[in-house]
Protein backbone atom coordinates (compact mmCIF):
# COMPACT_ATOMS: atom_id res chain seq x y z
CA MET A 1 78.71 -5.51 58.78
CA ALA A 2 76.79 -2.35 59.32
CA ALA A 3 74.93 -0.54 56.71
CA THR A 4 76.85 1.97 54.67
CA SER A 5 75.57 5.62 54.16
CA PRO A 6 73.19 6.39 51.87
CA SER A 7 74.51 7.72 48.74
CA ARG A 8 72.68 11.06 47.66
CA VAL A 9 75.14 11.16 44.49
CA SER A 10 73.41 9.94 41.67
CA ALA A 11 75.95 8.05 39.18
CA SER A 12 74.64 9.70 35.88
CA ASP A 13 75.06 12.81 37.29
CA THR A 14 79.08 12.13 37.91
CA ALA A 15 81.62 12.69 34.79
CA GLY A 16 82.50 8.86 34.37
CA ILE A 17 79.81 7.17 33.03
CA ASP A 18 80.68 3.47 32.82
CA VAL A 19 77.55 2.77 29.89
CA THR A 20 77.72 1.55 26.22
CA GLY A 21 75.91 3.29 23.65
CA ALA A 22 74.21 0.26 22.84
CA GLU A 23 73.27 -0.48 26.88
CA ALA A 24 72.16 3.87 27.36
CA LEU A 25 69.45 3.09 24.07
CA ASP A 26 68.47 -0.30 25.50
CA TRP A 27 68.02 0.73 28.88
CA PHE A 28 65.87 3.93 27.45
CA LYS A 29 63.75 1.70 25.31
CA LYS A 30 63.00 -0.82 28.12
CA MET A 31 61.85 1.83 30.54
CA SER A 32 59.92 3.87 28.27
CA LEU A 33 58.32 0.28 27.13
CA ILE A 34 57.30 -0.71 30.73
CA ARG A 35 55.73 3.44 30.89
CA ARG A 36 53.25 3.27 27.60
CA PHE A 37 53.04 -0.60 28.29
CA GLU A 38 51.58 0.54 32.09
CA GLU A 39 49.75 3.80 30.34
CA ARG A 40 48.03 1.34 27.18
CA ALA A 41 46.88 -1.30 30.17
CA GLU A 42 45.59 1.92 32.38
CA GLU A 43 43.44 2.52 29.63
CA ALA A 44 42.28 -0.95 29.12
CA TYR A 45 41.14 -1.21 32.49
CA GLY A 46 39.05 1.76 32.65
CA GLN A 47 37.07 0.52 29.24
CA GLY A 48 36.61 -2.67 31.37
CA LYS A 49 39.02 -5.02 29.19
CA ILE A 50 41.10 -6.08 32.35
CA GLY A 51 39.46 -6.86 35.85
CA GLY A 52 40.52 -8.00 39.04
CA PHE A 53 43.05 -5.40 40.40
CA LEU A 54 46.12 -3.66 38.47
CA HIS A 55 48.58 -2.15 40.57
CA LEU A 56 50.82 0.47 37.48
CA TYR A 57 54.22 0.82 37.49
CA ILE A 58 54.67 4.15 36.22
CA GLY A 59 57.17 6.26 37.81
CA GLU A 60 59.40 3.81 39.15
CA GLU A 61 60.79 1.86 35.81
CA ALA A 62 64.74 2.78 36.49
CA VAL A 63 64.51 0.04 39.15
CA ALA A 64 63.84 -3.10 37.51
CA VAL A 65 65.64 -1.94 34.33
CA GLY A 66 68.80 -1.11 36.52
CA ALA A 67 68.48 -4.01 38.73
CA MET A 68 67.59 -6.57 35.37
CA ALA A 69 70.48 -5.27 33.80
CA ALA A 70 73.37 -6.41 36.33
CA LEU A 71 71.48 -10.27 36.89
CA ARG A 72 72.80 -12.72 34.65
CA PRO A 73 70.01 -14.62 32.99
CA ASP A 74 70.30 -17.40 35.02
CA ASP A 75 70.11 -15.65 38.64
CA ASP A 76 66.62 -16.07 40.10
CA VAL A 77 63.88 -13.12 40.09
CA ILE A 78 60.82 -12.53 42.63
CA THR A 79 58.77 -9.88 43.45
CA HIS A 80 55.61 -8.20 44.74
CA TYR A 81 52.18 -7.51 42.80
CA ARG A 82 53.04 -4.51 41.24
CA ASP A 83 55.40 -6.71 38.90
CA HIS A 84 54.50 -5.53 34.96
CA GLY A 85 57.51 -3.69 34.93
CA TYR A 86 59.78 -6.60 36.16
CA VAL A 87 59.14 -9.46 33.23
CA LEU A 88 59.29 -6.67 30.71
CA ALA A 89 62.87 -5.50 31.49
CA ARG A 90 63.37 -9.60 32.30
CA GLY A 91 63.05 -9.86 28.00
CA VAL A 92 59.31 -11.25 28.18
CA GLU A 93 57.06 -10.36 25.10
CA PRO A 94 55.00 -7.22 26.06
CA LYS A 95 51.97 -9.19 24.05
CA ARG A 96 52.21 -12.27 26.48
CA VAL A 97 52.25 -10.00 29.28
CA MET A 98 48.94 -7.97 27.95
CA ALA A 99 47.67 -10.99 27.19
CA GLU A 100 47.84 -12.02 30.68
CA LEU A 101 46.50 -9.04 32.03
CA TYR A 102 43.22 -9.41 29.75
CA GLY A 103 42.96 -13.18 30.70
CA LYS A 104 43.53 -14.85 27.38
CA ALA A 105 45.21 -18.11 27.24
CA THR A 106 47.88 -16.50 25.05
CA GLY A 107 48.63 -15.17 28.33
CA LEU A 108 52.18 -15.34 30.37
CA SER A 109 50.24 -17.61 33.07
CA LYS A 110 47.61 -19.20 30.35
CA GLY A 111 45.62 -16.24 31.78
CA LYS A 112 45.04 -17.17 35.22
CA GLY A 113 47.09 -15.25 36.87
CA GLY A 114 46.67 -11.71 36.43
CA SER A 115 48.19 -8.48 36.55
CA MET A 116 49.66 -10.52 40.13
CA HIS A 117 51.08 -13.42 39.16
CA MET A 118 53.15 -12.84 35.99
CA ALA A 119 55.63 -15.79 35.81
CA ASP A 120 58.28 -16.83 33.48
CA VAL A 121 60.26 -20.34 34.31
CA LYS A 122 62.40 -20.08 31.20
CA ARG A 123 63.87 -16.26 32.39
CA HIS A 124 63.53 -17.55 35.95
CA VAL A 125 61.05 -15.27 36.94
CA TRP A 126 59.65 -16.66 39.76
CA GLY A 127 56.46 -14.44 39.76
CA GLY A 128 54.42 -11.85 41.45
CA TYR A 129 53.28 -12.33 45.03
CA ALA A 130 50.18 -11.37 46.10
CA ILE A 131 50.64 -11.34 50.11
CA VAL A 132 53.04 -8.49 50.81
CA GLY A 133 56.30 -9.82 52.15
CA GLY A 134 54.98 -13.52 51.34
CA HIS A 135 57.38 -14.24 48.88
CA ILE A 136 60.48 -13.36 51.14
CA PRO A 137 60.75 -16.09 52.87
CA LEU A 138 60.22 -17.91 49.41
CA ALA A 139 63.44 -16.20 48.03
CA THR A 140 65.26 -17.57 51.35
CA GLY A 141 64.24 -21.22 49.82
CA LEU A 142 65.20 -20.28 46.35
CA ALA A 143 68.68 -19.09 47.62
CA LEU A 144 68.38 -22.39 49.83
CA ALA A 145 68.13 -24.51 46.90
CA ASN A 146 70.68 -22.87 44.98
CA GLN A 147 73.15 -23.40 47.85
CA TYR A 148 72.54 -26.71 48.55
CA ARG A 149 72.56 -27.57 44.75
CA LYS A 150 75.95 -25.69 44.42
CA LEU A 151 74.43 -23.42 41.88
CA PRO A 152 76.14 -19.94 40.84
CA HIS A 153 73.25 -18.18 40.98
CA VAL A 154 71.66 -15.32 43.07
CA VAL A 155 68.01 -14.82 44.10
CA ALA A 156 67.05 -11.13 43.45
CA CYS A 157 63.71 -10.39 45.55
CA PHE A 158 61.96 -7.19 45.16
CA PHE A 159 59.44 -5.70 47.56
CA GLY A 160 57.97 -2.75 48.92
CA GLU A 161 59.05 -0.56 51.50
CA GLY A 162 55.65 -1.96 53.62
CA ALA A 163 57.16 -5.42 53.81
CA THR A 164 59.50 -4.25 55.97
CA ASN A 165 57.17 -4.08 58.81
CA ILE A 166 55.98 -7.64 58.19
CA GLY A 167 57.38 -10.55 60.22
CA THR A 168 58.15 -12.70 57.32
CA PHE A 169 61.15 -10.07 56.39
CA PHE A 170 62.78 -10.56 59.20
CA ALA A 171 62.28 -13.85 59.54
CA GLY A 172 63.41 -14.58 55.60
CA LEU A 173 66.41 -12.44 55.88
CA ASN A 174 67.99 -13.87 58.91
CA LEU A 175 67.73 -17.32 57.55
CA ALA A 176 69.56 -15.79 54.40
CA ALA A 177 72.38 -14.25 56.77
CA VAL A 178 72.44 -17.44 59.30
CA TRP A 179 73.12 -19.34 56.15
CA LYS A 180 75.30 -17.01 54.19
CA LEU A 181 72.67 -17.26 50.84
CA ALA A 182 73.44 -15.70 48.24
CA LEU A 183 70.11 -13.28 48.39
CA VAL A 184 70.00 -9.49 46.97
CA ALA A 185 66.62 -8.22 48.64
CA ILE A 186 66.02 -4.78 46.59
CA VAL A 187 63.69 -2.99 48.70
CA GLU A 188 61.62 -0.37 46.35
CA ASN A 189 60.77 2.71 48.62
CA ASN A 190 58.07 4.29 47.02
CA ARG A 191 56.76 6.30 50.48
CA TYR A 192 53.45 4.90 50.39
CA GLY A 193 52.09 1.74 51.61
CA MET A 194 48.62 1.84 50.09
CA GLY A 195 47.76 5.27 51.23
CA THR A 196 49.74 5.27 54.16
CA ALA A 197 53.48 7.58 54.44
CA PHE A 198 55.87 5.09 55.56
CA GLU A 199 56.89 7.41 58.17
CA ARG A 200 54.34 6.97 59.75
CA VAL A 201 53.98 3.32 60.36
CA SER A 202 57.58 2.31 60.83
CA ALA A 203 60.06 3.28 63.92
CA VAL A 204 63.07 2.96 61.27
CA SER A 205 62.01 5.06 58.30
CA ASP A 206 65.27 4.15 56.39
CA VAL A 207 64.98 0.88 55.35
CA TYR A 208 68.46 0.48 54.64
CA LYS A 209 68.85 0.76 58.50
CA LYS A 210 66.87 -2.45 59.32
CA ALA A 211 69.84 -4.58 57.91
CA CYS A 212 71.02 -4.27 61.30
CA ALA A 213 69.08 -6.89 62.64
CA PHE A 214 70.82 -9.38 60.25
CA ASP A 215 74.22 -7.82 60.00
CA ILE A 216 74.09 -8.05 56.25
CA PRO A 217 75.56 -5.14 53.86
CA ALA A 218 72.92 -2.24 52.96
CA GLU A 219 73.04 0.79 51.01
CA GLN A 220 70.18 3.40 50.03
CA ILE A 221 70.29 4.53 46.20
CA ASP A 222 68.54 7.20 44.24
CA GLY A 223 65.95 4.40 42.84
CA ASN A 224 64.89 6.92 40.05
CA ASP A 225 68.91 6.60 38.46
CA VAL A 226 68.95 3.49 36.18
CA LEU A 227 72.87 3.48 36.39
CA ALA A 228 72.83 4.17 40.29
CA VAL A 229 70.80 0.82 40.41
CA ARG A 230 72.27 -0.85 37.90
CA ASP A 231 76.09 -0.26 39.94
CA ALA A 232 74.47 -0.89 43.14
CA VAL A 233 72.61 -3.80 42.44
CA HIS A 234 76.03 -5.41 40.79
CA ARG A 235 78.11 -4.54 43.42
CA MET A 236 75.65 -6.55 45.74
CA VAL A 237 75.25 -9.48 43.56
CA GLU A 238 78.14 -9.92 43.01
CA ARG A 239 79.95 -10.10 46.33
CA SER A 240 76.52 -12.69 47.51
CA ARG A 241 77.61 -14.52 44.58
CA ALA A 242 81.43 -15.14 46.00
CA GLY A 243 80.00 -15.99 49.28
CA GLY A 244 79.16 -12.92 51.19
CA GLY A 245 75.68 -14.19 51.99
CA PRO A 246 72.43 -11.83 51.66
CA GLN A 247 72.64 -7.68 50.58
CA LEU A 248 69.93 -5.06 50.86
CA ILE A 249 69.28 -1.95 49.09
CA GLU A 250 66.88 0.15 49.43
CA ALA A 251 65.95 2.56 46.24
CA MET A 252 63.90 5.83 46.99
CA THR A 253 61.54 6.23 43.93
CA TYR A 254 57.85 6.94 43.92
CA ARG A 255 54.88 6.07 42.06
CA PHE A 256 53.38 8.58 40.07
CA ARG A 257 49.93 7.05 40.08
CA GLY A 258 47.60 5.38 43.55
CA HIS A 259 48.20 2.56 44.74
CA SER A 260 45.98 0.54 42.39
CA MET A 261 43.43 1.65 39.60
CA GLY A 262 41.07 2.05 42.67
CA ASP A 263 42.87 4.75 44.76
CA PRO A 264 41.29 8.14 44.93
CA GLN A 265 44.92 9.19 46.42
CA ARG A 266 43.49 11.71 48.95
CA TYR A 267 46.68 10.91 50.84
CA ARG A 268 48.99 13.07 48.95
CA THR A 269 48.83 16.49 47.20
CA LYS A 270 48.79 17.24 43.46
CA GLU A 271 52.01 19.55 43.84
CA GLU A 272 53.64 16.60 45.71
CA VAL A 273 52.93 14.35 42.70
CA GLU A 274 54.51 16.93 40.47
CA GLU A 275 57.30 17.49 42.30
CA ALA A 276 58.11 14.16 42.06
CA LYS A 277 57.78 13.87 38.13
CA ALA A 278 60.59 16.64 37.82
CA ARG A 279 62.82 13.30 39.06
CA ASP A 280 61.11 11.14 36.41
CA PRO A 281 63.56 8.28 35.48
CA ILE A 282 63.11 8.36 32.07
CA VAL A 283 63.05 12.13 31.52
CA ARG A 284 66.57 12.06 33.54
CA TRP A 285 67.68 9.23 31.81
CA ARG A 286 67.07 10.54 28.02
CA ARG A 287 68.99 13.91 29.15
CA THR A 288 71.82 12.20 30.61
CA VAL A 289 72.09 10.00 27.43
CA LEU A 290 71.87 13.39 25.31
CA THR A 291 74.24 15.57 27.09
CA SER A 292 76.91 12.58 27.45
CA GLY A 293 76.72 11.85 23.47
CA LEU A 294 75.60 8.18 23.89
CA ALA A 295 73.04 8.69 21.18
CA ALA A 296 71.45 11.41 19.13
CA LYS A 297 67.71 12.77 19.67
CA THR A 298 66.65 10.79 16.75
CA ASP A 299 67.92 7.54 17.89
CA LEU A 300 65.48 8.26 21.34
CA GLU A 301 62.71 9.80 19.06
CA LYS A 302 62.79 6.41 17.03
CA ILE A 303 63.03 4.04 20.32
CA ARG A 304 59.58 5.75 21.37
CA ASP A 305 58.03 5.21 17.69
CA GLU A 306 59.19 1.50 18.11
CA VAL A 307 57.72 1.54 21.69
CA GLU A 308 54.41 2.83 19.97
CA ALA A 309 54.22 0.08 17.85
CA GLU A 310 55.29 -2.76 20.00
CA VAL A 311 52.53 -1.77 22.88
CA GLU A 312 49.54 -1.34 19.83
CA GLU A 313 50.69 -4.72 18.74
CA ALA A 314 50.69 -6.73 22.34
CA VAL A 315 47.13 -4.39 22.63
CA ARG A 316 45.99 -5.96 19.41
CA PHE A 317 47.15 -9.15 20.48
CA ALA A 318 45.39 -9.44 23.94
CA GLU A 319 41.99 -8.42 22.34
CA ASN A 320 42.40 -10.69 19.59
CA SER A 321 43.60 -13.76 21.16
CA PRO A 322 40.77 -16.62 22.82
CA ALA A 323 39.84 -16.84 26.23
CA PRO A 324 40.99 -20.16 28.05
CA ASP A 325 39.08 -22.66 27.52
CA PRO A 326 36.93 -24.09 30.65
CA SER A 327 38.88 -27.28 31.02
CA GLU A 328 42.14 -25.52 31.52
CA LEU A 329 40.78 -24.85 34.78
CA CYS A 330 42.05 -27.94 36.55
CA SER A 331 45.21 -28.09 34.52
CA ASP A 332 48.28 -27.06 36.38
CA VAL A 333 47.27 -26.85 39.61
CA LEU A 334 49.74 -29.96 40.84
CA VAL A 335 53.39 -30.17 39.89
CA SER A 336 54.39 -33.30 38.81
CA GLU A 337 57.86 -34.73 38.97
């Protein structure tokens, strides 16, 4: 099936908005939580309280929140290393995520994974993956396992546009297409792979067009519109769940911070970043919620206060939690049946 033309119309800019007031507030809270969480993580990193690498999700919140709203609780999620937003959108407690960044025993992965390796088996989140594109074949394997066990689960695999120039992208999706697996590939196109503009390194700069190599449905959407993401992912997920095989979504977005904390960002201008911030997904959804009468300004202000308190509690929890016991070094290394 050929890839569809990209939709330039944003779902939340249309007259009919298929969302309840409760959903609208939930999405606003989750996007605001991710934003504030990442800002505090950035501060903690600057203070030397978080070590290693830290890849912030600021500016891309609508992709994770919209996608998670379209998935069932038992659908599988696997993602790349810019992963804090996904686990928060999936409902993991912020204090456990922050404690993991701090390397504490109370963290989501007992302090052993850190920023790039968030996982929660209970919520079917199978981890952030540090090797670019390396988790795409794993997503195919998850989908194959679901098919073999006759489970009605869909695997949502998230990765950046840079991963679509890597062999694992083609190998993983090719096998998923051959075996008609229930897998939805969601490409977060934030325009830069580390410090390189995507069009400089890819012969095909519209990622959704690459889906023709696998003869699978694909479309390009506005990744800064949480409702557009929810609708597209829901459509693709249910088609895949019904036996339609793998699908691909290219969500156009932009990261407001550098690739990681050590990025000097010399490859883009301040003007470009400011222009992108004019399409801030949180500001945009706030405007849509208010103009559509889905909630009052006081409701949103209350949520902002709740988020601030929740994130500050997460920081306190992380700072007051114990470091892992040295004996933990050899635990969870092998999996027993």
